C-alpha atoms as a PDB file:
ATOM      1  CA  SER A   1       0.000   0.000   0.000  1.00  0.00           C
ATOM      2  CA  ILE A   2       1.041   3.590  -0.468  1.00  0.00           C
ATOM      3  CA  ASP A   3       1.217   5.098   2.995  1.00  0.00           C
ATOM      4  CA  SER A   4       2.255   8.643   2.046  1.00  0.00           C
ATOM      5  CA  VAL A   5       3.578  10.825  -0.762  1.00  0.00           C
ATOM      6  CA  ASP A   6       5.110  14.264  -0.383  1.00  0.00           C
ATOM      7  CA  TYR A   7       7.494  16.623  -2.157  1.00  0.00           C
ATOM      8  CA  PRO A   8       9.447  18.704   0.362  1.00  0.00           C
ATOM      9  CA  GLU A   9      11.717  21.463  -0.906  1.00  0.00           C
ATOM     10  CA  LEU A  10      15.345  20.395  -0.909  1.00  0.00           C
ATOM     11  CA  SER A  11      17.459  23.324  -2.095  1.00  0.00           C
ATOM     12  CA  TYR A  12      16.950  26.964  -2.922  1.00  0.00           C
ATOM     13  CA  GLY A  13      18.302  29.248  -5.601  1.00  0.00           C
ATOM     14  CA  SER A  14      18.183  32.984  -5.921  1.00  0.00           C
ATOM     15  CA  ASN A  15      15.327  34.856  -4.251  1.00  0.00           C
ATOM     16  CA  GLN A  16      14.775  31.883  -1.918  1.00  0.00           C
ATOM     17  CA  ILE A  17      12.852  29.979  -4.616  1.00  0.00           C
ATOM     18  CA  ALA A  18      13.119  26.183  -4.449  1.00  0.00           C
ATOM     19  CA  ASN A  19      15.023  24.663  -7.362  1.00  0.00           C
ATOM     20  CA  GLU A  20      15.030  21.041  -6.144  1.00  0.00           C
ATOM     21  CA  LEU A  21      12.388  18.892  -4.528  1.00  0.00           C
ATOM     22  CA  ARG A  22      12.569  15.456  -2.993  1.00  0.00           C
ATOM     23  CA  ALA A  23       9.893  12.928  -3.842  1.00  0.00           C
ATOM     24  CA  ASN A  24       9.145  10.852  -0.737  1.00  0.00           C
ATOM     25  CA  LEU A  25       7.061   7.715  -1.147  1.00  0.00           C
ATOM     26  CA  HIS A  26       6.396   5.551   1.898  1.00  0.00           C
ATOM     27  CA  VAL A  27       5.096   2.084   1.012  1.00  0.00           C
ATOM     28  CA  SER A  28       4.184  -1.095   2.871  1.00  0.00           C
ATOM     29  CA  PHE A  29       3.779  -4.524   1.322  1.00  0.00           C
ATOM     30  CA  THR A  30       3.883  -8.214   2.114  1.00  0.00           C
ATOM     31  CA  ILE A  31       5.103 -11.065  -0.082  1.00  0.00           C
ATOM     32  CA  THR A  32       3.047 -14.193   0.570  1.00  0.00           C
ATOM     33  CA  GLU A  33       3.792 -17.740  -0.571  1.00  0.00           C
ATOM     34  CA  ARG A  34       0.782 -18.822  -2.635  1.00  0.00           C
ATOM     35  CA  ALA A  35       0.988 -22.518  -1.814  1.00  0.00           C
ATOM     36  CA  THR A  36       0.984 -22.102   1.960  1.00  0.00           C
ATOM     37  CA  GLY A  37      -0.318 -18.595   2.518  1.00  0.00           C
ATOM     38  CA  ASN A  38       2.709 -17.920   4.724  1.00  0.00           C
ATOM     39  CA  LYS A  39       4.038 -14.381   4.830  1.00  0.00           C
ATOM     40  CA  VAL A  40       7.565 -14.529   3.440  1.00  0.00           C
ATOM     41  CA  TRP A  41       8.594 -10.876   3.630  1.00  0.00           C
ATOM     42  CA  THR A  42       6.988  -7.740   5.022  1.00  0.00           C
ATOM     43  CA  VAL A  43       8.352  -4.297   4.197  1.00  0.00           C
ATOM     44  CA  SER A  44       7.537  -0.773   5.342  1.00  0.00           C
ATOM     45  CA  LYS A  45       9.991   1.646   3.757  1.00  0.00           C
ATOM     46  CA  LEU A  46      10.504   5.226   2.645  1.00  0.00           C
ATOM     47  CA  PHE A  47      11.880   5.690  -0.879  1.00  0.00           C
ATOM     48  CA  THR A  48      13.228   9.049  -2.055  1.00  0.00           C
ATOM     49  CA  GLU A  49      14.264  10.628  -5.331  1.00  0.00           C
ATOM     50  CA  THR A  50      15.474  14.158  -6.060  1.00  0.00           C
ATOM     51  CA  LEU A  51      13.845  16.164  -8.831  1.00  0.00           C
ATOM     52  CA  ASN A  52      14.124  19.636 -10.331  1.00  0.00           C
ATOM     53  CA  THR A  53      11.321  22.083  -9.821  1.00  0.00           C
ATOM     54  CA  SER A  54       9.917  24.291 -12.563  1.00  0.00           C
ATOM     55  CA  THR A  55       7.716  27.351 -12.862  1.00  0.00           C
ATOM     56  CA  ASN A  56       5.969  25.523 -15.703  1.00  0.00           C
ATOM     57  CA  PRO A  57       3.284  23.266 -14.154  1.00  0.00           C
ATOM     58  CA  THR A  58       3.527  20.761 -17.020  1.00  0.00           C
ATOM     59  CA  SER A  59       7.295  20.402 -16.581  1.00  0.00           C
ATOM     60  CA  LEU A  60       6.952  20.130 -12.811  1.00  0.00           C
ATOM     61  CA  GLN A  61       4.364  17.351 -13.165  1.00  0.00           C
ATOM     62  CA  ALA A  62       6.582  15.544 -15.690  1.00  0.00           C
ATOM     63  CA  ASN A  63       9.497  15.755 -13.217  1.00  0.00           C
ATOM     64  CA  LYS A  64       7.310  14.395 -10.405  1.00  0.00           C
ATOM     65  CA  ASN A  65       6.130  11.560 -12.660  1.00  0.00           C
ATOM     66  CA  GLY A  66       9.745  10.768 -13.572  1.00  0.00           C
ATOM     67  CA  ALA A  67      10.720  10.632  -9.892  1.00  0.00           C
ATOM     68  CA  MET A  68       7.815   8.286  -9.098  1.00  0.00           C
ATOM     69  CA  LEU A  69       8.764   6.083 -12.069  1.00  0.00           C
ATOM     70  CA  LYS A  70      12.340   5.825 -10.753  1.00  0.00           C
ATOM     71  CA  ILE A  71      11.065   4.975  -7.260  1.00  0.00           C
ATOM     72  CA  SER A  72       8.725   2.306  -8.657  1.00  0.00           C
ATOM     73  CA  GLN A  73      11.660   0.780 -10.554  1.00  0.00           C
ATOM     74  CA  ASP A  74      13.709   0.785  -7.327  1.00  0.00           C
ATOM     75  CA  ILE A  75      10.878  -0.994  -5.487  1.00  0.00           C
ATOM     76  CA  SER A  76      10.537  -3.562  -8.279  1.00  0.00           C
ATOM     77  CA  GLU A  77      14.277  -4.227  -8.273  1.00  0.00           C
ATOM     78  CA  MET A  78      14.318  -4.629  -4.489  1.00  0.00           C
ATOM     79  CA  ILE A  79      11.484  -7.188  -4.630  1.00  0.00           C
ATOM     80  CA  TYR A  80      13.084  -9.054  -7.548  1.00  0.00           C
ATOM     81  CA  LEU A  81      16.481  -9.271  -5.846  1.00  0.00           C
ATOM     82  CA  HIS A  82      14.911 -10.448  -2.592  1.00  0.00           C
ATOM     83  CA  ILE A  83      12.962 -13.207  -4.349  1.00  0.00           C
ATOM     84  CA  ILE A  84      15.978 -14.314  -6.415  1.00  0.00           C
ATOM     85  CA  ASN A  85      18.127 -14.362  -3.278  1.00  0.00           C
ATOM     86  CA  LYS A  86      15.589 -16.612  -1.524  1.00  0.00           C
ATOM     87  CA  ILE A  87      15.333 -18.975  -4.524  1.00  0.00           C
ATOM     88  CA  MET A  88      19.107 -19.242  -4.941  1.00  0.00           C
ATOM     89  CA  ARG A  89      19.733 -19.902  -1.244  1.00  0.00           C
ATOM     90  CA  PRO A  90      18.173 -23.227  -0.261  1.00  0.00           C
ATOM     91  CA  VAL A  91      16.787 -23.497   3.245  1.00  0.00           C
ATOM     92  CA  ASP A  92      18.926 -25.675   5.524  1.00  0.00           C
ATOM     93  CA  ASP A  93      16.488 -27.728   7.633  1.00  0.00           C
ATOM     94  CA  THR A  94      19.274 -29.476   9.556  1.00  0.00           C
ATOM     95  CA  GLN A  95      19.931 -26.518  11.866  1.00  0.00           C
END
């Protein structure tokens, strides 16, 4: 689930006008094994990405969309790597 989204100002240029924002996306999710219904991995994490601001609303929205796309790719990669790591590392039941 998406818990929160915000865009705080990060840096300022001349006349104290923000020229960089930070996209903050806090998400929570659970990976569940289909066969057993067991929860395998639960995550609650804040992801961030820096973006340029713009006086043009269309450009600003495009920059925000680009930041969210990058964050979604980061989330996807994190999930993929976690799953691959679990598949490649067999569980040792002897311990």
